[in-house]
Amino acid sequence: MSNEQKTPVIAVDNLAARFGDNTIFQDVSFTVNKGEILVILGGSGCGKTTLLKLIIGLYKPYAGKIVVNGVDIAAADEEQLRQVRMGFGVLFQAGALLGSMTVGGNVALPLYEYTDLSAAEIDLVVRMKLGMVTLAGYENHLPSEISGGMMKRAGLARAMALDPTILFFDEPSAGLDPITSVELDNLIKSINAGMGTTMVIVTHELQSIFNIAHRVIMLDKTAQGIIAEGDPKVLKEQSTDPRVHNFFNRQPM
């Protein structure tokens, strides 16, 4: 990325997450730059998805600050949170499509909820977004009538319905075969390059990490925080931390 693009749109400062007496992580600090693809990675139970949900505002932090586009997410009231979330798009692990609605109906949901567009205008936007994820013509299909990879792409179309400045992904490649996973990676990169959309992605899929990430942060369950940050290819070759080296080189501890 060029220097002028390196403007933080997300700033996380001394963040801590706890459930009861169980500390998930603490003292977590990092930024996400405008137009960047940041991947959050680490082993099971380290708090990757928890961190994502904290940034989106689904959970409240035990301590620390999360500032997104100038808004402190943890301190925001419901209306402030609603306004800032209009700039978010979220693709959850299973795509989270409503099975009783068509693909087009699913994509239209946020447009009906957050805009004053007419039904005809919403229909046009839906067809355009589905075209962007190579699902043109699937507006009237039910989720049960399309493949897992197509459901992920439909979920991505819905996440992009409001032209968000930030897209969040939770394990986008989960459950996909290798070829479909690569196709989704390439689609993510294409959207980032073509639209400059900032992306925060939770995944443990190494091939995807090397394919799409501009930068990564690595969480560790035992350390209860970040143990590595940087270019994944550099971390693979140069990290002296055995936990980091072994993760990127598929080696057991």
C-alpha atoms as a PDB file:
ATOM      1  CA  MET A   1       0.000   0.000   0.000  1.00  0.00           C
ATOM      2  CA  SER A   2       1.124   3.556  -0.646  1.00  0.00           C
ATOM      3  CA  ASN A   3       1.916   5.867   2.279  1.00  0.00           C
ATOM      4  CA  GLU A   4      -1.191   7.983   1.809  1.00  0.00           C
ATOM      5  CA  GLN A   5      -3.339   4.891   2.351  1.00  0.00           C
ATOM      6  CA  LYS A   6      -1.757   4.110   5.731  1.00  0.00           C
ATOM      7  CA  THR A   7      -4.431   5.847   7.749  1.00  0.00           C
ATOM      8  CA  PRO A   8      -5.761   3.863  10.731  1.00  0.00           C
ATOM      9  CA  VAL A   9      -9.503   3.286  10.498  1.00  0.00           C
ATOM     10  CA  ILE A  10      -9.487   0.917  13.482  1.00  0.00           C
ATOM     11  CA  ALA A  11      -7.426   1.530  16.626  1.00  0.00           C
ATOM     12  CA  VAL A  12      -7.488  -1.051  19.423  1.00  0.00           C
ATOM     13  CA  ASP A  13      -5.815   0.029  22.656  1.00  0.00           C
ATOM     14  CA  ASN A  14      -5.046  -2.180  25.686  1.00  0.00           C
ATOM     15  CA  LEU A  15      -8.091  -4.353  25.035  1.00  0.00           C
ATOM     16  CA  ALA A  16      -9.073  -7.083  27.483  1.00  0.00           C
ATOM     17  CA  ALA A  17     -11.826  -9.690  27.189  1.00  0.00           C
ATOM     18  CA  ARG A  18     -13.136 -11.820  30.040  1.00  0.00           C
ATOM     19  CA  PHE A  19     -16.055 -14.191  30.488  1.00  0.00           C
ATOM     20  CA  GLY A  20     -16.627 -14.545  34.213  1.00  0.00           C
ATOM     21  CA  ASP A  21     -13.264 -15.285  35.800  1.00  0.00           C
ATOM     22  CA  ASN A  22     -11.835 -16.539  32.508  1.00  0.00           C
ATOM     23  CA  THR A  23      -9.475 -14.071  30.810  1.00  0.00           C
ATOM     24  CA  ILE A  24      -9.474 -14.603  27.036  1.00  0.00           C
ATOM     25  CA  PHE A  25      -6.841 -11.984  26.299  1.00  0.00           C
ATOM     26  CA  GLN A  26      -5.494  -8.721  27.709  1.00  0.00           C
ATOM     27  CA  ASP A  27      -3.315  -5.756  26.746  1.00  0.00           C
ATOM     28  CA  VAL A  28      -4.149  -6.215  23.046  1.00  0.00           C
ATOM     29  CA  SER A  29      -3.251  -3.160  20.949  1.00  0.00           C
ATOM     30  CA  PHE A  30      -3.068  -2.762  17.163  1.00  0.00           C
ATOM     31  CA  THR A  31      -4.335  -0.642  14.291  1.00  0.00           C
ATOM     32  CA  VAL A  32      -5.878  -1.425  10.917  1.00  0.00           C
ATOM     33  CA  ASN A  33      -5.022   0.904   8.065  1.00  0.00           C
ATOM     34  CA  LYS A  34      -7.352   2.174   5.380  1.00  0.00           C
ATOM     35  CA  GLY A  35      -7.491  -0.278   2.476  1.00  0.00           C
ATOM     36  CA  GLU A  36      -5.574  -2.962   4.371  1.00  0.00           C
ATOM     37  CA  ILE A  37      -6.359  -6.673   4.648  1.00  0.00           C
ATOM     38  CA  LEU A  38      -5.516  -7.585   8.239  1.00  0.00           C
ATOM     39  CA  VAL A  39      -5.789 -11.240   9.265  1.00  0.00           C
ATOM     40  CA  ILE A  40      -6.315 -12.281  12.886  1.00  0.00           C
ATOM     41  CA  LEU A  41      -4.915 -15.759  13.428  1.00  0.00           C
ATOM     42  CA  GLY A  42      -3.856 -18.203  16.114  1.00  0.00           C
ATOM     43  CA  GLY A  43      -4.717 -21.579  17.583  1.00  0.00           C
ATOM     44  CA  SER A  44      -8.108 -22.705  18.841  1.00  0.00           C
ATOM     45  CA  GLY A  45      -9.400 -20.867  21.893  1.00  0.00           C
ATOM     46  CA  CYS A  46      -7.070 -17.873  21.589  1.00  0.00           C
ATOM     47  CA  GLY A  47      -9.921 -15.384  21.132  1.00  0.00           C
ATOM     48  CA  LYS A  48      -9.874 -14.634  17.398  1.00  0.00           C
ATOM     49  CA  THR A  49     -13.659 -14.531  16.937  1.00  0.00           C
ATOM     50  CA  THR A  50     -14.127 -12.826  20.306  1.00  0.00           C
ATOM     51  CA  LEU A  51     -11.811 -10.037  19.152  1.00  0.00           C
ATOM     52  CA  LEU A  52     -13.756  -9.676  15.906  1.00  0.00           C
ATOM     53  CA  LYS A  53     -17.068  -9.450  17.775  1.00  0.00           C
ATOM     54  CA  LEU A  54     -15.628  -6.843  20.132  1.00  0.00           C
ATOM     55  CA  ILE A  55     -14.595  -4.646  17.193  1.00  0.00           C
ATOM     56  CA  ILE A  56     -18.043  -4.965  15.616  1.00  0.00           C
ATOM     57  CA  GLY A  57     -19.662  -4.077  18.944  1.00  0.00           C
ATOM     58  CA  LEU A  58     -21.424  -7.388  19.595  1.00  0.00           C
ATOM     59  CA  TYR A  59     -19.495  -7.792  22.863  1.00  0.00           C
ATOM     60  CA  LYS A  60     -18.370  -5.213  25.406  1.00  0.00           C
ATOM     61  CA  PRO A  61     -14.682  -5.301  26.396  1.00  0.00           C
ATOM     62  CA  TYR A  62     -13.595  -5.875  29.983  1.00  0.00           C
ATOM     63  CA  ALA A  63     -11.094  -3.046  29.525  1.00  0.00           C
ATOM     64  CA  GLY A  64      -9.550  -0.934  26.784  1.00  0.00           C
ATOM     65  CA  LYS A  65     -10.729   1.069  23.789  1.00  0.00           C
ATOM     66  CA  ILE A  66     -11.823   0.261  20.252  1.00  0.00           C
ATOM     67  CA  VAL A  67     -12.059   3.299  17.978  1.00  0.00           C
ATOM     68  CA  VAL A  68     -13.533   2.706  14.518  1.00  0.00           C
ATOM     69  CA  ASN A  69     -13.770   5.647  12.120  1.00  0.00           C
ATOM     70  CA  GLY A  70     -13.435   7.993  15.079  1.00  0.00           C
ATOM     71  CA  VAL A  71     -16.146   6.330  17.204  1.00  0.00           C
ATOM     72  CA  ASP A  72     -15.296   4.599  20.488  1.00  0.00           C
ATOM     73  CA  ILE A  73     -17.288   1.389  20.010  1.00  0.00           C
ATOM     74  CA  ALA A  74     -17.305   0.401  23.682  1.00  0.00           C
ATOM     75  CA  ALA A  75     -18.609   3.801  24.826  1.00  0.00           C
ATOM     76  CA  ALA A  76     -21.078   4.388  21.969  1.00  0.00           C
ATOM     77  CA  ASP A  77     -24.816   4.473  22.580  1.00  0.00           C
ATOM     78  CA  GLU A  78     -27.190   2.433  20.406  1.00  0.00           C
ATOM     79  CA  GLU A  79     -27.732   5.187  17.836  1.00  0.00           C
ATOM     80  CA  GLN A  80     -23.986   5.888  17.490  1.00  0.00           C
ATOM     81  CA  LEU A  81     -23.352   2.173  17.160  1.00  0.00           C
ATOM     82  CA  ARG A  82     -26.067   1.887  14.513  1.00  0.00           C
ATOM     83  CA  GLN A  83     -24.522   4.726  12.514  1.00  0.00           C
ATOM     84  CA  VAL A  84     -20.998   3.319  12.592  1.00  0.00           C
ATOM     85  CA  ARG A  85     -22.258  -0.192  11.767  1.00  0.00           C
ATOM     86  CA  MET A  86     -23.773   1.148   8.565  1.00  0.00           C
ATOM     87  CA  GLY A  87     -20.176   1.327   7.368  1.00  0.00           C
ATOM     88  CA  PHE A  88     -19.593  -2.349   8.248  1.00  0.00           C
ATOM     89  CA  GLY A  89     -20.197  -5.495   6.257  1.00  0.00           C
ATOM     90  CA  VAL A  90     -19.949  -8.823   8.071  1.00  0.00           C
ATOM     91  CA  LEU A  91     -19.619 -12.333   6.648  1.00  0.00           C
ATOM     92  CA  PHE A  92     -20.064 -14.909   9.390  1.00  0.00           C
ATOM     93  CA  GLN A  93     -18.657 -18.416   9.200  1.00  0.00           C
ATOM     94  CA  ALA A  94     -21.712 -20.183   7.777  1.00  0.00           C
ATOM     95  CA  GLY A  95     -22.813 -17.304   5.569  1.00  0.00           C
ATOM     96  CA  ALA A  96     -25.838 -16.874   7.884  1.00  0.00           C
ATOM     97  CA  LEU A  97     -28.356 -16.770   5.036  1.00  0.00           C
ATOM     98  CA  LEU A  98     -32.020 -17.072   5.964  1.00  0.00           C
ATOM     99  CA  GLY A  99     -33.141 -20.387   4.493  1.00  0.00           C
ATOM    100  CA  SER A 100     -36.737 -19.299   3.969  1.00  0.00           C
ATOM    101  CA  MET A 101     -35.740 -16.360   1.757  1.00  0.00           C
ATOM    102  CA  THR A 102     -34.287 -16.321  -1.733  1.00  0.00           C
ATOM    103  CA  VAL A 103     -30.682 -15.315  -2.323  1.00  0.00           C
ATOM    104  CA  GLY A 104     -31.908 -11.977  -3.652  1.00  0.00           C
ATOM    105  CA  GLY A 105     -34.149 -11.506  -0.619  1.00  0.00           C
ATOM    106  CA  ASN A 106     -31.222 -12.104   1.712  1.00  0.00           C
ATOM    107  CA  VAL A 107     -29.085  -9.509  -0.049  1.00  0.00           C
ATOM    108  CA  ALA A 108     -31.978  -7.036   0.004  1.00  0.00           C
ATOM    109  CA  LEU A 109     -32.481  -7.246   3.790  1.00  0.00           C
ATOM    110  CA  PRO A 110     -29.994  -4.528   4.858  1.00  0.00           C
ATOM    111  CA  LEU A 111     -31.182  -2.277   2.020  1.00  0.00           C
ATOM    112  CA  TYR A 112     -34.776  -2.408   3.271  1.00  0.00           C
ATOM    113  CA  GLU A 113     -33.635  -1.888   6.853  1.00  0.00           C
ATOM    114  CA  TYR A 114     -31.144   0.943   6.404  1.00  0.00           C
ATOM    115  CA  THR A 115     -32.134   2.816   3.225  1.00  0.00           C
ATOM    116  CA  ASP A 116     -35.140   4.584   1.727  1.00  0.00           C
ATOM    117  CA  LEU A 117     -34.613   3.073  -1.713  1.00  0.00           C
ATOM    118  CA  SER A 118     -37.648   1.938  -3.683  1.00  0.00           C
ATOM    119  CA  ALA A 119     -38.261  -1.757  -4.350  1.00  0.00           C
ATOM    120  CA  ALA A 120     -37.105  -1.278  -7.959  1.00  0.00           C
ATOM    121  CA  GLU A 121     -33.896   0.441  -6.837  1.00  0.00           C
ATOM    122  CA  ILE A 122     -33.207  -2.267  -4.271  1.00  0.00           C
ATOM    123  CA  ASP A 123     -33.725  -4.922  -6.935  1.00  0.00           C
ATOM    124  CA  LEU A 124     -31.138  -3.171  -9.111  1.00  0.00           C
ATOM    125  CA  VAL A 125     -28.601  -3.008  -6.266  1.00  0.00           C
ATOM    126  CA  VAL A 126     -29.194  -6.676  -5.433  1.00  0.00           C
ATOM    127  CA  ARG A 127     -28.534  -7.755  -9.018  1.00  0.00           C
ATOM    128  CA  MET A 128     -25.414  -5.585  -9.144  1.00  0.00           C
ATOM    129  CA  LYS A 129     -24.007  -7.018  -5.882  1.00  0.00           C
ATOM    130  CA  LEU A 130     -24.725 -10.587  -6.950  1.00  0.00           C
ATOM    131  CA  GLY A 131     -22.998  -9.864 -10.241  1.00  0.00           C
ATOM    132  CA  MET A 132     -19.920  -8.705  -8.329  1.00  0.00           C
ATOM    133  CA  VAL A 133     -19.643 -12.106  -6.636  1.00  0.00           C
ATOM    134  CA  THR A 134     -20.379 -14.023  -9.870  1.00  0.00           C
ATOM    135  CA  LEU A 135     -23.922 -14.999  -8.833  1.00  0.00           C
ATOM    136  CA  ALA A 136     -25.828 -13.118 -11.532  1.00  0.00           C
ATOM    137  CA  GLY A 137     -29.126 -14.855 -12.227  1.00  0.00           C
ATOM    138  CA  TYR A 138     -29.371 -16.571  -8.836  1.00  0.00           C
ATOM    139  CA  GLU A 139     -31.686 -13.982  -7.275  1.00  0.00           C
ATOM    140  CA  ASN A 140     -34.641 -16.391  -7.020  1.00  0.00           C
ATOM    141  CA  HIS A 141     -32.755 -19.442  -5.772  1.00  0.00           C
ATOM    142  CA  LEU A 142     -33.120 -20.564  -2.170  1.00  0.00           C
ATOM    143  CA  PRO A 143     -29.931 -21.118  -0.126  1.00  0.00           C
ATOM    144  CA  SER A 144     -30.690 -24.869  -0.112  1.00  0.00           C
ATOM    145  CA  GLU A 145     -30.482 -24.856  -3.924  1.00  0.00           C
ATOM    146  CA  ILE A 146     -26.906 -23.560  -4.162  1.00  0.00           C
ATOM    147  CA  SER A 147     -23.498 -24.899  -3.105  1.00  0.00           C
ATOM    148  CA  GLY A 148     -21.550 -23.992   0.036  1.00  0.00           C
ATOM    149  CA  GLY A 149     -19.184 -21.776  -1.918  1.00  0.00           C
ATOM    150  CA  MET A 150     -22.098 -19.988  -3.563  1.00  0.00           C
ATOM    151  CA  MET A 151     -23.688 -19.430  -0.146  1.00  0.00           C
ATOM    152  CA  LYS A 152     -20.465 -17.797   1.049  1.00  0.00           C
ATOM    153  CA  ARG A 153     -20.484 -15.529  -2.002  1.00  0.00           C
ATOM    154  CA  ALA A 154     -24.151 -14.696  -1.447  1.00  0.00           C
ATOM    155  CA  GLY A 155     -23.310 -13.823   2.138  1.00  0.00           C
ATOM    156  CA  LEU A 156     -20.520 -11.591   0.841  1.00  0.00           C
ATOM    157  CA  ALA A 157     -22.959  -9.875  -1.550  1.00  0.00           C
ATOM    158  CA  ARG A 158     -25.251  -9.153   1.402  1.00  0.00           C
ATOM    159  CA  ALA A 159     -22.297  -7.880   3.447  1.00  0.00           C
ATOM    160  CA  MET A 160     -21.493  -5.444   0.607  1.00  0.00           C
ATOM    161  CA  ALA A 161     -25.084  -4.296   0.086  1.00  0.00           C
ATOM    162  CA  LEU A 162     -24.589  -0.950   1.833  1.00  0.00           C
ATOM    163  CA  ASP A 163     -21.169  -0.266   0.233  1.00  0.00           C
ATOM    164  CA  PRO A 164     -19.310  -0.664   3.550  1.00  0.00           C
ATOM    165  CA  THR A 165     -15.885   0.866   4.092  1.00  0.00           C
ATOM    166  CA  ILE A 166     -14.885  -2.088   6.304  1.00  0.00           C
ATOM    167  CA  LEU A 167     -15.625  -5.775   5.718  1.00  0.00           C
ATOM    168  CA  PHE A 168     -15.288  -8.337   8.518  1.00  0.00           C
ATOM    169  CA  PHE A 169     -14.957 -12.062   7.820  1.00  0.00           C
ATOM    170  CA  ASP A 170     -15.111 -14.944  10.321  1.00  0.00           C
ATOM    171  CA  GLU A 171     -13.421 -18.036   8.851  1.00  0.00           C
ATOM    172  CA  PRO A 172     -14.566 -17.361   5.261  1.00  0.00           C
ATOM    173  CA  SER A 173     -12.974 -20.546   3.884  1.00  0.00           C
ATOM    174  CA  ALA A 174     -14.376 -22.891   6.546  1.00  0.00           C
ATOM    175  CA  GLY A 175     -16.050 -25.919   4.987  1.00  0.00           C
ATOM    176  CA  LEU A 176     -14.950 -25.148   1.443  1.00  0.00           C
ATOM    177  CA  ASP A 177     -12.938 -27.422  -0.827  1.00  0.00           C
ATOM    178  CA  PRO A 178      -9.455 -26.123  -1.795  1.00  0.00           C
ATOM    179  CA  ILE A 179     -10.448 -24.859  -5.260  1.00  0.00           C
ATOM    180  CA  THR A 180     -13.543 -23.027  -3.993  1.00  0.00           C
ATOM    181  CA  SER A 181     -11.459 -21.595  -1.151  1.00  0.00           C
ATOM    182  CA  VAL A 182      -8.922 -20.161  -3.605  1.00  0.00           C
ATOM    183  CA  GLU A 183     -11.747 -18.699  -5.699  1.00  0.00           C
ATOM    184  CA  LEU A 184     -13.130 -16.952  -2.604  1.00  0.00           C
ATOM    185  CA  ASP A 185      -9.649 -15.671  -1.699  1.00  0.00           C
ATOM    186  CA  ASN A 186      -9.267 -14.224  -5.191  1.00  0.00           C
ATOM    187  CA  LEU A 187     -12.703 -12.589  -4.948  1.00  0.00           C
ATOM    188  CA  ILE A 188     -11.739 -11.003  -1.613  1.00  0.00           C
ATOM    189  CA  LYS A 189      -8.499  -9.671  -3.099  1.00  0.00           C
ATOM    190  CA  SER A 190     -10.336  -8.369  -6.153  1.00  0.00           C
ATOM    191  CA  ILE A 191     -12.848  -6.435  -4.020  1.00  0.00           C
ATOM    192  CA  ASN A 192     -10.055  -5.010  -1.893  1.00  0.00           C
ATOM    193  CA  ALA A 193      -8.031  -3.926  -4.922  1.00  0.00           C
ATOM    194  CA  GLY A 194     -10.976  -2.607  -6.914  1.00  0.00           C
ATOM    195  CA  MET A 195     -12.867  -0.805  -4.149  1.00  0.00           C
ATOM    196  CA  GLY A 196     -10.184  -0.109  -1.555  1.00  0.00           C
ATOM    197  CA  THR A 197     -12.318  -1.785   1.111  1.00  0.00           C
ATOM    198  CA  THR A 198     -10.592  -2.302   4.457  1.00  0.00           C
ATOM    199  CA  MET A 199     -10.866  -5.927   5.582  1.00  0.00           C
ATOM    200  CA  VAL A 200     -10.428  -7.719   8.902  1.00  0.00           C
ATOM    201  CA  ILE A 201     -10.403 -11.493   8.514  1.00  0.00           C
ATOM    202  CA  VAL A 202     -10.313 -14.262  11.117  1.00  0.00           C
ATOM    203  CA  THR A 203      -8.863 -17.471   9.742  1.00  0.00           C
ATOM    204  CA  HIS A 204      -6.418 -20.252  10.527  1.00  0.00           C
ATOM    205  CA  GLU A 205      -6.175 -21.426   6.893  1.00  0.00           C
ATOM    206  CA  LEU A 206      -2.497 -20.972   6.046  1.00  0.00           C
ATOM    207  CA  GLN A 207      -2.931 -20.939   2.281  1.00  0.00           C
ATOM    208  CA  SER A 208      -5.519 -18.179   2.544  1.00  0.00           C
ATOM    209  CA  ILE A 209      -3.335 -16.221   4.965  1.00  0.00           C
ATOM    210  CA  PHE A 210      -0.390 -16.224   2.564  1.00  0.00           C
ATOM    211  CA  ASN A 211      -2.683 -15.465  -0.375  1.00  0.00           C
ATOM    212  CA  ILE A 212      -4.642 -12.507   0.945  1.00  0.00           C
ATOM    213  CA  ALA A 213      -3.067 -10.925   4.036  1.00  0.00           C
ATOM    214  CA  HIS A 214      -1.208  -7.633   3.877  1.00  0.00           C
ATOM    215  CA  ARG A 215      -0.466  -8.048   7.578  1.00  0.00           C
ATOM    216  CA  VAL A 216      -1.365 -10.429  10.410  1.00  0.00           C
ATOM    217  CA  ILE A 217      -1.662 -10.370  14.168  1.00  0.00           C
ATOM    218  CA  MET A 218      -1.236 -13.694  15.931  1.00  0.00           C
ATOM    219  CA  LEU A 219      -2.994 -14.389  19.225  1.00  0.00           C
ATOM    220  CA  ASP A 220      -1.889 -17.078  21.654  1.00  0.00           C
ATOM    221  CA  LYS A 221      -4.117 -18.733  24.259  1.00  0.00           C
ATOM    222  CA  THR A 222      -1.380 -19.242  26.856  1.00  0.00           C
ATOM    223  CA  ALA A 223       0.100 -15.771  26.408  1.00  0.00           C
ATOM    224  CA  GLN A 224      -3.428 -14.271  26.456  1.00  0.00           C
ATOM    225  CA  GLY A 225      -2.491 -11.738  23.830  1.00  0.00           C
ATOM    226  CA  ILE A 226      -0.611 -10.911  20.626  1.00  0.00           C
ATOM    227  CA  ILE A 227       2.669 -12.765  20.132  1.00  0.00           C
ATOM    228  CA  ALA A 228       3.439 -11.707  16.542  1.00  0.00           C
ATOM    229  CA  GLU A 229       2.531  -9.016  14.022  1.00  0.00           C
ATOM    230  CA  GLY A 230       3.658  -8.407  10.454  1.00  0.00           C
ATOM    231  CA  ASP A 231       3.872  -9.867   6.959  1.00  0.00           C
ATOM    232  CA  PRO A 232       3.044 -13.596   7.222  1.00  0.00           C
ATOM    233  CA  LYS A 233       5.704 -14.561   4.678  1.00  0.00           C
ATOM    234  CA  VAL A 234       8.356 -12.727   6.716  1.00  0.00           C
ATOM    235  CA  LEU A 235       7.123 -14.267   9.961  1.00  0.00           C
ATOM    236  CA  LYS A 236       7.293 -17.727   8.415  1.00  0.00           C
ATOM    237  CA  GLU A 237      10.927 -17.282   7.424  1.00  0.00           C
ATOM    238  CA  GLN A 238      12.301 -15.042  10.165  1.00  0.00           C
ATOM    239  CA  SER A 239      10.365 -15.449  13.426  1.00  0.00           C
ATOM    240  CA  THR A 240      12.471 -16.823  16.273  1.00  0.00           C
ATOM    241  CA  ASP A 241       9.419 -17.529  18.445  1.00  0.00           C
ATOM    242  CA  PRO A 242       8.823 -21.301  18.153  1.00  0.00           C
ATOM    243  CA  ARG A 243       5.056 -20.832  18.489  1.00  0.00           C
ATOM    244  CA  VAL A 244       5.011 -18.495  15.496  1.00  0.00           C
ATOM    245  CA  HIS A 245       7.526 -20.473  13.448  1.00  0.00           C
ATOM    246  CA  ASN A 246       5.709 -23.749  14.026  1.00  0.00           C
ATOM    247  CA  PHE A 247       2.298 -22.283  13.154  1.00  0.00           C
ATOM    248  CA  PHE A 248       3.436 -20.887   9.814  1.00  0.00           C
ATOM    249  CA  ASN A 249       5.455 -23.979   8.957  1.00  0.00           C
ATOM    250  CA  ARG A 250       2.809 -26.525  10.017  1.00  0.00           C
ATOM    251  CA  GLN A 251       5.015 -28.050  12.690  1.00  0.00           C
ATOM    252  CA  PRO A 252       3.782 -29.403  16.040  1.00  0.00           C
ATOM    253  CA  MET A 253       5.144 -27.901  19.220  1.00  0.00           C
END
